[in-house]
Amino acid sequence: MKVWITTAAALTIAGLVCGASEAQPAGGGGGVVRKACHDDILQLCANVEPGGGRLIQCLREHQDRVSESCKSALSDAKASRRDQHASPDAPPPTTPEPGSGPG
């Protein structure tokens, strides 16, 4: 009975994560992350209350045990968010030419 309750709680948490992920805009990668990390969340973070970045923090704390597919999906989603937040009017980053700096 205890195993069933734990499993039900984990599935409830995963369901909440899934719903939050689906609320992301198209192309945000939420569905990909949800699918890739579902088993990791159930296995490693079942006792973590979703929200406030707690599940992501849990996955980071267990990064040595997270599946490669989940790591990859999280990395891709992070890169996608970074690209979406980049200002289109900002100039591209530059590196100084050799010999042009002080020293």
C-alpha atoms as a PDB file:
ATOM      1  CA  MET A   1       0.000   0.000   0.000  1.00  0.00           C
ATOM      2  CA  LYS A   2       2.824   2.398   0.861  1.00  0.00           C
ATOM      3  CA  VAL A   3       4.437   1.826  -2.557  1.00  0.00           C
ATOM      4  CA  TRP A   4       1.146   2.594  -4.276  1.00  0.00           C
ATOM      5  CA  ILE A   5       0.775   5.871  -2.341  1.00  0.00           C
ATOM      6  CA  THR A   6       4.365   6.872  -3.151  1.00  0.00           C
ATOM      7  CA  THR A   7       3.813   6.057  -6.827  1.00  0.00           C
ATOM      8  CA  ALA A   8       0.542   7.998  -6.869  1.00  0.00           C
ATOM      9  CA  ALA A   9       2.253  11.003  -5.277  1.00  0.00           C
ATOM     10  CA  ALA A  10       5.088  10.851  -7.800  1.00  0.00           C
ATOM     11  CA  LEU A  11       2.643  10.662 -10.698  1.00  0.00           C
ATOM     12  CA  THR A  12       0.718  13.621  -9.283  1.00  0.00           C
ATOM     13  CA  ILE A  13       3.920  15.655  -9.097  1.00  0.00           C
ATOM     14  CA  ALA A  14       4.886  14.594 -12.599  1.00  0.00           C
ATOM     15  CA  GLY A  15       1.412  15.574 -13.800  1.00  0.00           C
ATOM     16  CA  LEU A  16       1.831  19.042 -12.326  1.00  0.00           C
ATOM     17  CA  VAL A  17       5.218  19.357 -14.014  1.00  0.00           C
ATOM     18  CA  CYS A  18       3.702  18.211 -17.293  1.00  0.00           C
ATOM     19  CA  GLY A  19       0.969  20.802 -17.095  1.00  0.00           C
ATOM     20  CA  ALA A  20       3.437  23.591 -16.370  1.00  0.00           C
ATOM     21  CA  SER A  21       5.660  22.469 -19.218  1.00  0.00           C
ATOM     22  CA  GLU A  22       2.793  22.476 -21.689  1.00  0.00           C
ATOM     23  CA  ALA A  23       2.044  26.079 -20.753  1.00  0.00           C
ATOM     24  CA  GLN A  24       5.335  27.176 -22.305  1.00  0.00           C
ATOM     25  CA  PRO A  25       5.186  28.844 -25.707  1.00  0.00           C
ATOM     26  CA  ALA A  26       5.613  26.740 -28.823  1.00  0.00           C
ATOM     27  CA  GLY A  27       9.246  25.994 -29.485  1.00  0.00           C
ATOM     28  CA  GLY A  28      10.110  26.400 -25.806  1.00  0.00           C
ATOM     29  CA  GLY A  29      10.991  22.740 -25.510  1.00  0.00           C
ATOM     30  CA  GLY A  30       8.678  22.041 -22.551  1.00  0.00           C
ATOM     31  CA  GLY A  31       7.210  18.890 -24.076  1.00  0.00           C
ATOM     32  CA  VAL A  32      10.635  17.572 -24.983  1.00  0.00           C
ATOM     33  CA  VAL A  33      11.966  18.189 -21.469  1.00  0.00           C
ATOM     34  CA  ARG A  34       8.863  16.692 -19.897  1.00  0.00           C
ATOM     35  CA  LYS A  35       9.176  13.533 -21.964  1.00  0.00           C
ATOM     36  CA  ALA A  36      12.953  13.208 -21.554  1.00  0.00           C
ATOM     37  CA  CYS A  37      12.969  13.845 -17.787  1.00  0.00           C
ATOM     38  CA  HIS A  38       9.736  12.149 -16.743  1.00  0.00           C
ATOM     39  CA  ASP A  39      11.357   8.992 -15.388  1.00  0.00           C
ATOM     40  CA  ASP A  40      14.180  10.977 -13.763  1.00  0.00           C
ATOM     41  CA  ILE A  41      11.690  13.140 -11.888  1.00  0.00           C
ATOM     42  CA  LEU A  42       9.746  10.106 -10.725  1.00  0.00           C
ATOM     43  CA  GLN A  43      12.888   8.307  -9.614  1.00  0.00           C
ATOM     44  CA  LEU A  44      14.980  11.129  -8.170  1.00  0.00           C
ATOM     45  CA  CYS A  45      12.589  13.936  -7.261  1.00  0.00           C
ATOM     46  CA  ALA A  46       9.299  12.288  -6.331  1.00  0.00           C
ATOM     47  CA  ASN A  47       9.254  14.002  -2.931  1.00  0.00           C
ATOM     48  CA  VAL A  48       9.929  17.484  -4.341  1.00  0.00           C
ATOM     49  CA  GLU A  49       7.029  19.930  -4.544  1.00  0.00           C
ATOM     50  CA  PRO A  50       6.862  21.441  -8.048  1.00  0.00           C
ATOM     51  CA  GLY A  51       7.142  25.170  -8.556  1.00  0.00           C
ATOM     52  CA  GLY A  52       9.756  27.792  -7.972  1.00  0.00           C
ATOM     53  CA  GLY A  53      12.380  25.836  -9.874  1.00  0.00           C
ATOM     54  CA  ARG A  54      12.537  23.104  -7.220  1.00  0.00           C
ATOM     55  CA  LEU A  55      12.331  20.195  -9.677  1.00  0.00           C
ATOM     56  CA  ILE A  56      15.091  21.652 -11.850  1.00  0.00           C
ATOM     57  CA  GLN A  57      17.181  22.177  -8.709  1.00  0.00           C
ATOM     58  CA  CYS A  58      16.552  18.564  -7.715  1.00  0.00           C
ATOM     59  CA  LEU A  59      17.675  17.352 -11.138  1.00  0.00           C
ATOM     60  CA  ARG A  60      20.813  19.497 -10.823  1.00  0.00           C
ATOM     61  CA  GLU A  61      21.558  18.062  -7.387  1.00  0.00           C
ATOM     62  CA  HIS A  62      21.312  14.574  -8.893  1.00  0.00           C
ATOM     63  CA  GLN A  63      22.999  15.433 -12.194  1.00  0.00           C
ATOM     64  CA  ASP A  64      25.344  12.463 -11.852  1.00  0.00           C
ATOM     65  CA  ARG A  65      22.290  10.158 -11.889  1.00  0.00           C
ATOM     66  CA  VAL A  66      20.106  11.981 -14.467  1.00  0.00           C
ATOM     67  CA  SER A  67      19.677  10.208 -17.800  1.00  0.00           C
ATOM     68  CA  GLU A  68      21.582  11.479 -20.822  1.00  0.00           C
ATOM     69  CA  SER A  69      18.335  12.231 -22.659  1.00  0.00           C
ATOM     70  CA  CYS A  70      17.155  14.441 -19.789  1.00  0.00           C
ATOM     71  CA  LYS A  71      20.511  16.237 -19.566  1.00  0.00           C
ATOM     72  CA  SER A  72      20.408  16.889 -23.291  1.00  0.00           C
ATOM     73  CA  ALA A  73      16.811  18.147 -23.228  1.00  0.00           C
ATOM     74  CA  LEU A  74      17.540  20.480 -20.296  1.00  0.00           C
ATOM     75  CA  SER A  75      20.621  21.830 -22.051  1.00  0.00           C
ATOM     76  CA  ASP A  76      18.708  22.413 -25.287  1.00  0.00           C
ATOM     77  CA  ALA A  77      15.852  24.139 -23.443  1.00  0.00           C
ATOM     78  CA  LYS A  78      18.301  26.385 -21.596  1.00  0.00           C
ATOM     79  CA  ALA A  79      19.982  27.366 -24.866  1.00  0.00           C
ATOM     80  CA  SER A  80      16.594  28.031 -26.446  1.00  0.00           C
ATOM     81  CA  ARG A  81      15.536  30.290 -23.556  1.00  0.00           C
ATOM     82  CA  ARG A  82      18.857  32.121 -23.767  1.00  0.00           C
ATOM     83  CA  ASP A  83      18.317  32.694 -27.499  1.00  0.00           C
ATOM     84  CA  GLN A  84      14.749  33.907 -26.940  1.00  0.00           C
ATOM     85  CA  HIS A  85      15.864  36.418 -24.313  1.00  0.00           C
ATOM     86  CA  ALA A  86      18.699  37.837 -26.395  1.00  0.00           C
ATOM     87  CA  SER A  87      17.858  41.338 -27.550  1.00  0.00           C
ATOM     88  CA  PRO A  88      17.657  41.566 -31.348  1.00  0.00           C
ATOM     89  CA  ASP A  89      18.971  45.146 -31.138  1.00  0.00           C
ATOM     90  CA  ALA A  90      22.016  44.249 -29.061  1.00  0.00           C
ATOM     91  CA  PRO A  91      25.298  44.232 -30.940  1.00  0.00           C
ATOM     92  CA  PRO A  92      27.026  40.879 -31.214  1.00  0.00           C
ATOM     93  CA  PRO A  93      29.722  40.219 -28.616  1.00  0.00           C
ATOM     94  CA  THR A  94      33.183  41.180 -29.740  1.00  0.00           C
ATOM     95  CA  THR A  95      36.619  40.028 -28.712  1.00  0.00           C
ATOM     96  CA  PRO A  96      39.557  42.423 -28.673  1.00  0.00           C
ATOM     97  CA  GLU A  97      42.091  42.036 -31.416  1.00  0.00           C
ATOM     98  CA  PRO A  98      45.496  40.747 -30.291  1.00  0.00           C
ATOM     99  CA  GLY A  99      47.782  43.560 -29.264  1.00  0.00           C
ATOM    100  CA  SER A 100      44.992  46.139 -28.979  1.00  0.00           C
ATOM    101  CA  GLY A 101      44.540  45.859 -25.232  1.00  0.00           C
ATOM    102  CA  PRO A 102      46.612  47.331 -22.412  1.00  0.00           C
ATOM    103  CA  GLY A 103      49.680  45.496 -21.451  1.00  0.00           C
END
